[in-house]
Each structure stands twice: as C-alpha cells, then as structure tokens.
Amino acid sequence: IGTTEGRALLGSYVWVDDVERFRRLAAAMAVAARVPATVVQMDAADFVVDLELADGTTTIVWHSAMWVYLPAPTQQRILDGIARLGRGSGPDRVLVHASWEWAAPRDGMGEFALVTRTWNGSTTDGLPEVLATGMSHGHPVRLFSAGE
C-alpha cells in the first residue's frame, strides 16, 4: 500500500462498479499514508506463536474472512498461541483476539460476525463478545449495543 503499484493492485480487487468499496479503500489508503506499518509475510500460525505481549500495551490479533481456508492443524496452532498469550496477559498487558468471520459454518452465503475476546486479568478473560453482524465485505452491518 506504500507504493503506486501496491495501491493499484489493491484497487484491482474491487469490482469496477462498486463505488462505495472504492471510497472505503481510498479512505483506508489515506490512513495508511499517515500511519506507517510494517507488513510481515509469514504463516499465520508462526506469526501468532512468535508474538509476545509487551507491558503497557494492548496487542490485537485480527483476522477477516480467512479462518475457513486454514487447515485444522493451523487453526489449532493459532488458538494455542492465543491461549498462551492470554495466560500471560494482565491489566498492563492486554490481549484482544478480534475476527470478522462467518457466523455459522460457511455455506457461501452466510452472515459474518465481528467477535472479540479480551484477556486483561479479569474474570471475563477470553469470553466472546459479538459486536456486529453483516455481510462479508462489511456493508451493511448491524452493530450491537452493550448487553444486547
């Protein structure tokens, strides 16, 4: 996303008549231009297994529309890595696992759910919280209020 070629490649994945998605992509690219990030290309499980929590930070493990494509052993390694990180969390080293994945077993048409699980040393560590549901590309979305 930091190069003209990279931005053109990302734009090529959007259907030509999907003006709203082009607008959202342009907004995301504007944020990326202001907030530098390092992209690390590696196996998802290896990435999570190598993560460490740092004092005074919140670490977020995020994935979107990819879980069903992973083999079961890779999924398990990721979950094991998240569990290890969760055990090492506390009020000063928070872990959040956030995902935008199919809400039910994938049938090709199902709704997605934005689910977070937080570990911060509380009694609710690791419990899932559904924040929103919607279609695969995030529009339209139904946001849930606290307690809903």
Protein backbone atom coordinates (compact mmCIF):
# COMPACT_ATOMS: atom_id res chain seq x y z
CA ILE A 1 0.00 0.00 0.00
CA GLY A 2 3.05 2.22 0.30
CA THR A 3 3.69 2.18 -3.45
CA THR A 4 1.73 3.22 -6.51
CA GLU A 5 1.90 -0.37 -7.75
CA GLY A 6 0.62 -1.73 -4.43
CA ARG A 7 -2.32 0.68 -4.36
CA ALA A 8 -3.19 -0.23 -7.96
CA LEU A 9 -3.05 -3.93 -7.10
CA LEU A 10 -5.41 -3.47 -4.14
CA GLY A 11 -7.78 -1.42 -6.30
CA SER A 12 -7.83 -4.20 -8.89
CA TYR A 13 -9.54 -6.49 -6.37
CA VAL A 14 -12.61 -4.22 -6.20
CA TRP A 15 -15.39 -4.74 -8.73
CA VAL A 16 -15.33 -1.80 -11.14
CA ASP A 17 -18.93 -0.77 -10.38
CA ASP A 18 -18.58 -0.95 -6.59
CA VAL A 19 -18.14 2.77 -5.98
CA GLU A 20 -18.71 2.55 -2.22
CA ARG A 21 -15.93 -0.03 -1.78
CA PHE A 22 -13.59 2.18 -3.82
CA ARG A 23 -14.41 5.06 -1.45
CA ARG A 24 -13.69 2.88 1.60
CA LEU A 25 -10.44 1.66 0.03
CA ALA A 26 -9.38 5.24 -0.71
CA ALA A 27 -10.09 6.20 2.92
CA ALA A 28 -8.06 3.22 4.15
CA MET A 29 -5.19 4.17 1.85
CA ALA A 30 -5.27 7.74 3.20
CA VAL A 31 -4.94 6.36 6.75
CA ALA A 32 -2.12 4.06 5.66
CA ALA A 33 -0.26 7.03 4.16
CA ARG A 34 -0.37 8.80 7.55
CA VAL A 35 0.20 5.78 9.81
CA PRO A 36 3.20 3.74 8.74
CA ALA A 37 3.02 -0.01 9.28
CA THR A 38 5.32 -2.92 8.70
CA VAL A 39 3.87 -5.81 6.72
CA VAL A 40 5.28 -9.19 7.66
CA GLN A 41 4.63 -12.02 5.22
CA MET A 42 4.59 -15.34 7.04
CA ASP A 43 2.40 -18.25 8.04
CA ALA A 44 -0.41 -17.06 10.33
CA ALA A 45 0.27 -19.75 12.96
CA ASP A 46 4.01 -18.99 13.00
CA PHE A 47 3.20 -15.29 13.42
CA VAL A 48 0.92 -15.87 16.42
CA VAL A 49 3.28 -18.40 18.02
CA ASP A 50 6.11 -15.82 17.79
CA LEU A 51 4.06 -12.97 19.34
CA GLU A 52 4.87 -11.66 22.81
CA LEU A 53 2.85 -9.22 24.89
CA ALA A 54 4.58 -6.01 25.97
CA ASP A 55 3.96 -4.10 29.20
CA GLY A 56 1.82 -1.00 28.78
CA THR A 57 0.27 -2.15 25.50
CA THR A 58 -2.76 -3.84 24.04
CA THR A 59 -1.91 -6.47 21.44
CA ILE A 60 -4.65 -7.19 18.90
CA VAL A 61 -4.71 -10.38 16.83
CA TRP A 62 -7.11 -9.70 13.95
CA HIS A 63 -8.28 -11.82 11.04
CA SER A 64 -11.03 -11.48 8.49
CA ALA A 65 -12.65 -14.00 6.13
CA MET A 66 -9.75 -16.42 6.26
CA TRP A 67 -10.38 -18.92 9.05
CA VAL A 68 -12.30 -21.46 6.95
CA TYR A 69 -9.43 -21.61 4.48
CA LEU A 70 -6.91 -22.76 7.09
CA PRO A 71 -6.27 -26.45 7.74
CA ALA A 72 -7.39 -27.65 11.18
CA PRO A 73 -3.79 -28.03 12.49
CA THR A 74 -3.03 -24.41 11.57
CA GLN A 75 -6.24 -23.22 13.25
CA GLN A 76 -5.29 -25.14 16.39
CA ARG A 77 -1.75 -23.69 16.46
CA ILE A 78 -3.23 -20.19 16.25
CA LEU A 79 -5.72 -20.92 19.05
CA ASP A 80 -2.95 -22.44 21.16
CA GLY A 81 -0.80 -19.36 20.59
CA ILE A 82 -3.65 -17.05 21.57
CA ALA A 83 -4.31 -19.15 24.70
CA ARG A 84 -0.62 -18.87 25.66
CA LEU A 85 -0.71 -15.10 25.20
CA GLY A 86 -3.96 -14.91 27.19
CA ARG A 87 -2.33 -16.72 30.12
CA GLY A 88 0.41 -14.08 30.13
CA SER A 89 -1.97 -11.12 29.99
CA GLY A 90 -2.95 -8.71 32.74
CA PRO A 91 -4.21 -5.17 33.29
CA ASP A 92 -0.94 -3.76 31.91
CA ARG A 93 -0.53 -6.25 29.02
CA VAL A 94 -3.88 -6.77 27.34
CA LEU A 95 -4.64 -9.22 24.53
CA VAL A 96 -7.60 -8.88 22.15
CA HIS A 97 -8.49 -11.51 19.56
CA ALA A 98 -10.82 -9.91 17.02
CA SER A 99 -12.29 -11.58 13.96
CA TRP A 100 -14.73 -10.90 11.13
CA GLU A 101 -15.62 -14.42 10.05
CA TRP A 102 -18.67 -16.45 9.02
CA ALA A 103 -21.09 -16.53 11.96
CA ALA A 104 -22.09 -20.13 11.22
CA PRO A 105 -20.35 -22.88 9.30
CA ARG A 106 -19.65 -21.47 5.87
CA ASP A 107 -22.31 -22.16 3.29
CA GLY A 108 -21.14 -19.49 0.88
CA MET A 109 -23.99 -17.13 1.72
CA GLY A 110 -23.97 -16.74 5.49
CA GLU A 111 -23.70 -13.68 7.62
CA PHE A 112 -20.42 -12.61 9.19
CA ALA A 113 -19.89 -11.69 12.84
CA LEU A 114 -17.40 -9.30 14.42
CA VAL A 115 -16.32 -11.14 17.57
CA THR A 116 -13.79 -10.03 20.16
CA ARG A 117 -12.28 -11.90 23.06
CA THR A 118 -10.22 -9.90 25.57
CA TRP A 119 -7.71 -11.03 28.18
CA ASN A 120 -6.71 -8.46 30.82
CA GLY A 121 -6.64 -10.44 34.04
CA SER A 122 -10.39 -10.12 34.68
CA THR A 123 -12.99 -12.78 35.40
CA THR A 124 -14.28 -12.49 31.82
CA ASP A 125 -10.94 -13.25 30.15
CA GLY A 126 -11.40 -14.92 26.77
CA LEU A 127 -15.20 -14.79 26.66
CA PRO A 128 -16.51 -13.99 23.17
CA GLU A 129 -18.45 -10.79 22.58
CA VAL A 130 -20.33 -10.26 19.31
CA LEU A 131 -20.06 -6.58 18.38
CA ALA A 132 -21.71 -6.65 14.96
CA THR A 133 -23.03 -8.84 12.18
CA GLY A 134 -23.17 -8.17 8.48
CA MET A 135 -22.25 -9.24 5.00
CA SER A 136 -18.79 -10.40 4.03
CA HIS A 137 -17.46 -7.06 2.80
CA GLY A 138 -18.78 -5.17 5.79
CA HIS A 139 -21.81 -3.49 4.31
CA PRO A 140 -24.49 -3.41 5.59
CA VAL A 141 -23.57 -4.00 9.24
CA ARG A 142 -25.78 -4.33 12.32
CA LEU A 143 -23.99 -3.01 15.41
CA PHE A 144 -24.92 -4.36 18.83
CA SER A 145 -25.15 -2.19 21.91
CA ALA A 146 -23.79 -3.29 25.27
CA GLY A 147 -25.86 -6.10 26.74
CA GLU A 148 -27.73 -6.87 23.51
